[in-house]
Amino acid sequence: MSGPVRPVVNRDNAYFFEGTRAHELRIQRCNACGVLRHPPGPACPDCGAFDRGHVVAKGEGTVFSYVVHHAPQVPGKELPLVIALVDLDEGVRMVAEMTGPVDIGDRVAVGWNVVDDELTLPIWTKVDR
């Protein structure tokens, strides 16, 4: 089987993938008004500024919702695959691949799936409270 589907890296999200290679979960921050957003984009949704930066998130959050994907097969992944929406402690929501079963409301923490020298992806694990 081939490796995982590789994300499209562009000038709006390159900082995020540079961060994952450094084992940092980076969240886009508007330098003009301070609002955090994920997924990243070219302009602030609150004030319209194009002055972007980022903060390094703590890498912890709470499961808002999840699905268990059984089919079809996803390249580079073993099924079933758990995908969750995680509300980060910083206040943004992120789509997250989980390492095992979860329930809504579970606390989770980020870890790192080093695919190769070019790509490291966040992967999340349930943690004890």
Foldseek 3Di string as FASTA:
>chain_A
DAAADDDDDDPFCVVQFVQLLVVFHKWKAAPVPGDTEPPTDQADPPPGDRRIDIDTAPFKFFFQAKDFCADDDGPNDDPRWIWTWTQGPVGYTDIATEPDDDDGGFMKGWDWDCRDSRGIDIHIYTDDD
